[in-house]
Amino acid sequence: MKRFSKMIAWMAFPLLAFIVAAPGASAQTTVAISEDNIDIRINYNGSTVNVSGNTENDVDLVIRIDSEYIDEKMMVKDKVGGLLWMNSGKVEFQNVPNLYYLKSSAEVTKILDPGEQKEYGIGYEALAANAVIEPPVEPGKAKTLFADFIRYKEQGKLYSQTVGGVEMEADGNGQSYRAAFEWPYQAPPDDYVITVYAVRDGRVIDSAETGLVVKEVGVEKALTELAQEKGGLYGIAAIIVALAAGLGVGVIFKTGGGAH
């Protein structure tokens, strides 16, 4: 019986190997970024993240950068007496990313079925569908509140959804792609995930991901740690750093002949 089982296993092995090595059975999409670490220093003013890789022919691409999903509170304003806008309370958006950037080679709603969008968290509509608002509100109000939340995050440079900006070019047996994301200084230190989705016939057929670490270093890191541990000393240190930066600017202008 054991000999028979081994014989079946050896006969099945070539078939299994054929299935694993069959075209399309293994991942075709790759992703790489220009730098996997961004250091926030005292003169930091943002950066650029270049995403590139290879994928199959005849696909659309969606590239997403997001951070950990958190719960975030926001003030709600209502008109009082039909004249003045005043704060009327707070709502909490649960299960939303602090940062969310999306670029796609075509309109997401035209290349992906709604179920796929929600499953993979692709697009603002998917974020809204997967989020929870507390306290609960009726659907119409929830839609308005989430639109306000998106607008708030976009104004803070933490959310963006763009059609285009993904360059694709035939390359051997598939095609190469590249896209550039302007990385704002407002993006906080965190571990970010960059995911590339290959889309065909309304479905995600392949994906690849990599990580990006944004961290404070040097004086910035020291000041943050000081603020967390000793608030009073942080205030004094911040003033000293600000004065030093001001003196530095003055020296630059004087050296450059700014005063005549």
Foldseek 3Di string as FASTA:
>chain_A
DVVVVVVVVVVCVVVVVCQCPPPLNDFFWEKDWPDQEAEDEPPDFFDKIKMKTWHAAPWKKKKKKFFFFAKDKDWDWDDDPNPDTDTDGMKIKGRATLAMEMEIQAPLPVQAPPVQCLVVVPDLVNRLVPIDMPPDDDPVVSVVVSVVVQVVCVVLVRYYYYYDQWDWADDPRGIMIMGMDTTGPSDDFGKMKMKMFITDPNHGSHMYIDIHGYYYDDPVVVLVVCCVPPVVVSVVVVVVVVVVVVVVVVVVCVVVVVDD
